Amino acid sequence: MSKRNPAGGAHGPGTPATVALTAAGVPFTGHTYVHHDTATNFGEEAAAALGLSDDRVFKTLVADADGTLVVGVVPVGGRLDLKALASAVGAKKASLADPAVAERRTGYVVGGISPLGQKTAATTVIDASAASFSSVFVSGGRRGFDIEIAPDDLVRATGGRYAPIARA
């Protein structure tokens, strides 16, 4: 079940992501849901709990592109195309970052990594499909909490860009 206005206020619990958006004056809505400790596919869990299609909820993945960490944001029903991500950031190749490295660099735990408010800013690429929605959902910085945000606001808030980086 989704809670639109949880105890943390209209924007949800205070996380680095919500703090960054609030400080920047970027509009968003926080949505909490019950996270189950047995869940392994966090994005699909969020989509199901919030009653949304898999193409409107996006997961945040950290990749190593020629030795530099970058962030790819793709629909939870798809996969990150590492070759397309590498191309989008001008790298020869990319591979998923080690989860422990991703957690240290972002300041978030796997399953709760947000593209917003990361401890160390990284180049961010958002799949072009996001632009077709009036709003999309991304992790709010912890498991059981997603942020609803306009795609163009997400691009601006992350300093990112759109590119076709998802595959079925």
C-alpha atoms as a PDB file:
ATOM      1  CA  MET A   1       0.000   0.000   0.000  1.00  0.00           C
ATOM      2  CA  SER A   2       1.297   3.434  -0.910  1.00  0.00           C
ATOM      3  CA  LYS A   3       1.244   6.349   1.455  1.00  0.00           C
ATOM      4  CA  ARG A   4       1.328   9.682  -0.303  1.00  0.00           C
ATOM      5  CA  ASN A   5       1.909  11.823   2.776  1.00  0.00           C
ATOM      6  CA  PRO A   6       3.889   9.735   5.253  1.00  0.00           C
ATOM      7  CA  ALA A   7       4.913  10.936   8.697  1.00  0.00           C
ATOM      8  CA  GLY A   8       7.965  12.632   7.215  1.00  0.00           C
ATOM      9  CA  GLY A   9       5.699  15.182   5.531  1.00  0.00           C
ATOM     10  CA  ALA A  10       4.303  15.630   2.038  1.00  0.00           C
ATOM     11  CA  HIS A  11       7.669  14.720   0.575  1.00  0.00           C
ATOM     12  CA  GLY A  12       8.240  11.593   2.631  1.00  0.00           C
ATOM     13  CA  PRO A  13      11.033  10.658   4.976  1.00  0.00           C
ATOM     14  CA  GLY A  14      14.139  12.792   5.066  1.00  0.00           C
ATOM     15  CA  THR A  15      16.813  11.200   2.886  1.00  0.00           C
ATOM     16  CA  PRO A  16      19.703  12.810   1.011  1.00  0.00           C
ATOM     17  CA  ALA A  17      17.499  12.609  -2.114  1.00  0.00           C
ATOM     18  CA  THR A  18      14.578  14.507  -0.577  1.00  0.00           C
ATOM     19  CA  VAL A  19      16.911  17.008   1.065  1.00  0.00           C
ATOM     20  CA  ALA A  20      18.624  17.707  -2.288  1.00  0.00           C
ATOM     21  CA  LEU A  21      15.318  18.130  -4.130  1.00  0.00           C
ATOM     22  CA  THR A  22      13.850  20.363  -1.442  1.00  0.00           C
ATOM     23  CA  ALA A  23      16.992  22.530  -1.344  1.00  0.00           C
ATOM     24  CA  ALA A  24      16.878  22.883  -5.129  1.00  0.00           C
ATOM     25  CA  GLY A  25      13.161  23.726  -5.122  1.00  0.00           C
ATOM     26  CA  VAL A  26      12.347  20.750  -7.357  1.00  0.00           C
ATOM     27  CA  PRO A  27       8.766  19.489  -6.960  1.00  0.00           C
ATOM     28  CA  PHE A  28       8.276  15.808  -6.121  1.00  0.00           C
ATOM     29  CA  THR A  29       5.992  13.509  -4.176  1.00  0.00           C
ATOM     30  CA  GLY A  30       7.217  10.798  -1.825  1.00  0.00           C
ATOM     31  CA  HIS A  31       5.540   7.394  -1.796  1.00  0.00           C
ATOM     32  CA  THR A  32       6.206   4.812   0.901  1.00  0.00           C
ATOM     33  CA  TYR A  33       5.321   1.149   0.695  1.00  0.00           C
ATOM     34  CA  VAL A  34       5.982  -1.941   2.767  1.00  0.00           C
ATOM     35  CA  HIS A  35       9.330  -3.450   1.799  1.00  0.00           C
ATOM     36  CA  HIS A  36       9.654  -7.181   2.427  1.00  0.00           C
ATOM     37  CA  ASP A  37      13.056  -8.421   3.573  1.00  0.00           C
ATOM     38  CA  THR A  38      12.701 -11.446   1.284  1.00  0.00           C
ATOM     39  CA  ALA A  39      12.399  -9.271  -1.855  1.00  0.00           C
ATOM     40  CA  THR A  40      15.331  -9.467  -4.252  1.00  0.00           C
ATOM     41  CA  ASN A  41      13.970  -7.450  -7.166  1.00  0.00           C
ATOM     42  CA  PHE A  42      13.484  -4.116  -5.439  1.00  0.00           C
ATOM     43  CA  GLY A  43      12.198  -2.201  -8.469  1.00  0.00           C
ATOM     44  CA  GLU A  44       9.521  -4.730  -9.316  1.00  0.00           C
ATOM     45  CA  GLU A  45       8.540  -4.825  -5.644  1.00  0.00           C
ATOM     46  CA  ALA A  46       8.086  -1.025  -5.726  1.00  0.00           C
ATOM     47  CA  ALA A  47       6.043  -1.124  -8.948  1.00  0.00           C
ATOM     48  CA  ALA A  48       3.728  -3.824  -7.587  1.00  0.00           C
ATOM     49  CA  ALA A  49       3.327  -2.169  -4.187  1.00  0.00           C
ATOM     50  CA  LEU A  50       2.565   1.223  -5.743  1.00  0.00           C
ATOM     51  CA  GLY A  51       0.242  -0.259  -8.392  1.00  0.00           C
ATOM     52  CA  LEU A  52       2.339   1.025 -11.300  1.00  0.00           C
ATOM     53  CA  SER A  53       3.516  -0.438 -14.582  1.00  0.00           C
ATOM     54  CA  ASP A  54       7.135  -1.605 -14.787  1.00  0.00           C
ATOM     55  CA  ASP A  55       7.888   0.956 -17.491  1.00  0.00           C
ATOM     56  CA  ARG A  56       7.090   3.942 -15.255  1.00  0.00           C
ATOM     57  CA  VAL A  57       9.209   2.878 -12.259  1.00  0.00           C
ATOM     58  CA  PHE A  58      12.957   3.257 -12.785  1.00  0.00           C
ATOM     59  CA  LYS A  59      15.892   1.538 -11.117  1.00  0.00           C
ATOM     60  CA  THR A  60      19.260   3.159 -10.519  1.00  0.00           C
ATOM     61  CA  LEU A  61      22.351   1.165 -11.464  1.00  0.00           C
ATOM     62  CA  VAL A  62      25.970   2.157 -10.950  1.00  0.00           C
ATOM     63  CA  ALA A  63      28.442   1.124 -13.641  1.00  0.00           C
ATOM     64  CA  ASP A  64      32.157   1.419 -14.267  1.00  0.00           C
ATOM     65  CA  ALA A  65      32.755   3.060 -17.652  1.00  0.00           C
ATOM     66  CA  ASP A  66      36.462   2.962 -18.532  1.00  0.00           C
ATOM     67  CA  GLY A  67      37.390   3.367 -14.866  1.00  0.00           C
ATOM     68  CA  THR A  68      34.846   6.079 -14.025  1.00  0.00           C
ATOM     69  CA  LEU A  69      31.647   5.384 -12.109  1.00  0.00           C
ATOM     70  CA  VAL A  70      28.480   6.459 -13.908  1.00  0.00           C
ATOM     71  CA  VAL A  71      24.784   6.059 -13.132  1.00  0.00           C
ATOM     72  CA  GLY A  72      22.209   4.503 -15.445  1.00  0.00           C
ATOM     73  CA  VAL A  73      18.489   4.903 -14.735  1.00  0.00           C
ATOM     74  CA  VAL A  74      16.264   2.414 -16.577  1.00  0.00           C
ATOM     75  CA  PRO A  75      12.729   0.994 -16.280  1.00  0.00           C
ATOM     76  CA  VAL A  76      12.520  -1.827 -13.732  1.00  0.00           C
ATOM     77  CA  GLY A  77      10.999  -4.138 -16.345  1.00  0.00           C
ATOM     78  CA  GLY A  78      14.052  -3.796 -18.579  1.00  0.00           C
ATOM     79  CA  ARG A  79      17.798  -4.169 -18.388  1.00  0.00           C
ATOM     80  CA  LEU A  80      20.621  -1.696 -18.620  1.00  0.00           C
ATOM     81  CA  ASP A  81      22.352  -1.938 -22.000  1.00  0.00           C
ATOM     82  CA  LEU A  82      25.956  -1.499 -20.888  1.00  0.00           C
ATOM     83  CA  LYS A  83      27.216  -0.922 -24.429  1.00  0.00           C
ATOM     84  CA  ALA A  84      24.647   1.859 -24.950  1.00  0.00           C
ATOM     85  CA  LEU A  85      25.539   3.382 -21.561  1.00  0.00           C
ATOM     86  CA  ALA A  86      29.245   3.360 -22.441  1.00  0.00           C
ATOM     87  CA  SER A  87      28.469   5.047 -25.750  1.00  0.00           C
ATOM     88  CA  ALA A  88      26.283   7.659 -24.033  1.00  0.00           C
ATOM     89  CA  VAL A  89      29.160   8.702 -21.751  1.00  0.00           C
ATOM     90  CA  GLY A  90      31.894   8.457 -24.390  1.00  0.00           C
ATOM     91  CA  ALA A  91      33.482   5.295 -22.968  1.00  0.00           C
ATOM     92  CA  LYS A  92      34.654   2.187 -24.809  1.00  0.00           C
ATOM     93  CA  LYS A  93      33.003  -0.245 -22.408  1.00  0.00           C
ATOM     94  CA  ALA A  94      31.037  -0.417 -19.185  1.00  0.00           C
ATOM     95  CA  SER A  95      30.325  -3.062 -16.580  1.00  0.00           C
ATOM     96  CA  LEU A  96      28.158  -3.039 -13.489  1.00  0.00           C
ATOM     97  CA  ALA A  97      30.021  -1.756 -10.450  1.00  0.00           C
ATOM     98  CA  ASP A  98      30.595  -3.985  -7.470  1.00  0.00           C
ATOM     99  CA  PRO A  99      27.611  -3.488  -5.109  1.00  0.00           C
ATOM    100  CA  ALA A 100      29.898  -2.533  -2.192  1.00  0.00           C
ATOM    101  CA  VAL A 101      31.562   0.137  -4.345  1.00  0.00           C
ATOM    102  CA  ALA A 102      28.156   1.430  -5.465  1.00  0.00           C
ATOM    103  CA  GLU A 103      27.021   1.691  -1.842  1.00  0.00           C
ATOM    104  CA  ARG A 104      30.173   3.530  -0.721  1.00  0.00           C
ATOM    105  CA  ARG A 105      30.091   6.001  -3.618  1.00  0.00           C
ATOM    106  CA  THR A 106      26.373   6.780  -3.455  1.00  0.00           C
ATOM    107  CA  GLY A 107      25.827   6.604   0.297  1.00  0.00           C
ATOM    108  CA  TYR A 108      22.808   4.338  -0.247  1.00  0.00           C
ATOM    109  CA  VAL A 109      22.204   0.597   0.145  1.00  0.00           C
ATOM    110  CA  VAL A 110      21.506  -1.644  -2.842  1.00  0.00           C
ATOM    111  CA  GLY A 111      17.763  -1.638  -3.440  1.00  0.00           C
ATOM    112  CA  GLY A 112      17.575   1.932  -2.173  1.00  0.00           C
ATOM    113  CA  ILE A 113      20.118   3.659  -4.423  1.00  0.00           C
ATOM    114  CA  SER A 114      18.626   6.911  -5.644  1.00  0.00           C
ATOM    115  CA  PRO A 115      19.951   8.877  -8.607  1.00  0.00           C
ATOM    116  CA  LEU A 116      19.456  11.959  -6.404  1.00  0.00           C
ATOM    117  CA  GLY A 117      21.495  13.220  -3.459  1.00  0.00           C
ATOM    118  CA  GLN A 118      24.373  10.815  -3.934  1.00  0.00           C
ATOM    119  CA  LYS A 119      27.416  11.138  -1.699  1.00  0.00           C
ATOM    120  CA  THR A 120      29.707  11.439  -4.740  1.00  0.00           C
ATOM    121  CA  ALA A 121      28.087  12.957  -7.837  1.00  0.00           C
ATOM    122  CA  ALA A 122      28.441  10.895 -10.994  1.00  0.00           C
ATOM    123  CA  THR A 123      27.489  11.340 -14.626  1.00  0.00           C
ATOM    124  CA  THR A 124      23.863  10.220 -14.869  1.00  0.00           C
ATOM    125  CA  VAL A 125      22.090   8.869 -17.949  1.00  0.00           C
ATOM    126  CA  ILE A 126      18.327   8.356 -17.848  1.00  0.00           C
ATOM    127  CA  ASP A 127      16.700   6.074 -20.380  1.00  0.00           C
ATOM    128  CA  ALA A 128      14.969   8.105 -23.080  1.00  0.00           C
ATOM    129  CA  SER A 129      11.669   6.280 -22.413  1.00  0.00           C
ATOM    130  CA  ALA A 130      11.264   8.358 -19.234  1.00  0.00           C
ATOM    131  CA  ALA A 131      10.547  11.447 -21.321  1.00  0.00           C
ATOM    132  CA  SER A 132       7.263   9.918 -22.520  1.00  0.00           C
ATOM    133  CA  PHE A 133       5.711  10.142 -19.026  1.00  0.00           C
ATOM    134  CA  SER A 134       4.434  13.160 -17.119  1.00  0.00           C
ATOM    135  CA  SER A 135       6.084  11.681 -14.018  1.00  0.00           C
ATOM    136  CA  VAL A 136       8.299   8.720 -13.198  1.00  0.00           C
ATOM    137  CA  PHE A 137       9.217   6.953  -9.970  1.00  0.00           C
ATOM    138  CA  VAL A 138      12.778   6.450  -8.710  1.00  0.00           C
ATOM    139  CA  SER A 139      14.160   5.293  -5.388  1.00  0.00           C
ATOM    140  CA  GLY A 140      13.929   7.940  -2.712  1.00  0.00           C
ATOM    141  CA  GLY A 141      17.054   6.712  -0.977  1.00  0.00           C
ATOM    142  CA  ARG A 142      15.862   3.744   1.013  1.00  0.00           C
ATOM    143  CA  ARG A 143      14.004   0.507   0.424  1.00  0.00           C
ATOM    144  CA  GLY A 144      10.258   1.101   0.688  1.00  0.00           C
ATOM    145  CA  PHE A 145      10.361   4.710  -0.472  1.00  0.00           C
ATOM    146  CA  ASP A 146      10.066   6.055  -4.028  1.00  0.00           C
ATOM    147  CA  ILE A 147       9.982   9.593  -5.354  1.00  0.00           C
ATOM    148  CA  GLU A 148       7.554  10.646  -8.082  1.00  0.00           C
ATOM    149  CA  ILE A 149       9.115  13.351 -10.218  1.00  0.00           C
ATOM    150  CA  ALA A 150       8.738  14.886 -13.681  1.00  0.00           C
ATOM    151  CA  PRO A 151      11.383  13.348 -15.977  1.00  0.00           C
ATOM    152  CA  ASP A 152      12.815  16.723 -17.031  1.00  0.00           C
ATOM    153  CA  ASP A 153      13.123  17.684 -13.349  1.00  0.00           C
ATOM    154  CA  LEU A 154      14.985  14.423 -12.733  1.00  0.00           C
ATOM    155  CA  VAL A 155      17.403  15.252 -15.550  1.00  0.00           C
ATOM    156  CA  ARG A 156      17.956  18.756 -14.175  1.00  0.00           C
ATOM    157  CA  ALA A 157      18.319  17.610 -10.543  1.00  0.00           C
ATOM    158  CA  THR A 158      20.914  14.970 -11.444  1.00  0.00           C
ATOM    159  CA  GLY A 159      22.703  17.065 -14.064  1.00  0.00           C
ATOM    160  CA  GLY A 160      22.007  14.112 -16.316  1.00  0.00           C
ATOM    161  CA  ARG A 161      20.807  13.506 -19.826  1.00  0.00           C
ATOM    162  CA  TYR A 162      18.499  11.217 -21.771  1.00  0.00           C
ATOM    163  CA  ALA A 163      19.791   8.391 -23.956  1.00  0.00           C
ATOM    164  CA  PRO A 164      18.371   5.043 -25.105  1.00  0.00           C
ATOM    165  CA  ILE A 165      20.170   2.828 -22.568  1.00  0.00           C
ATOM    166  CA  ALA A 166      17.509   0.185 -21.751  1.00  0.00           C
ATOM    167  CA  ARG A 167      16.747  -3.091 -23.441  1.00  0.00           C
ATOM    168  CA  ALA A 168      13.956  -5.607 -22.899  1.00  0.00           C
END
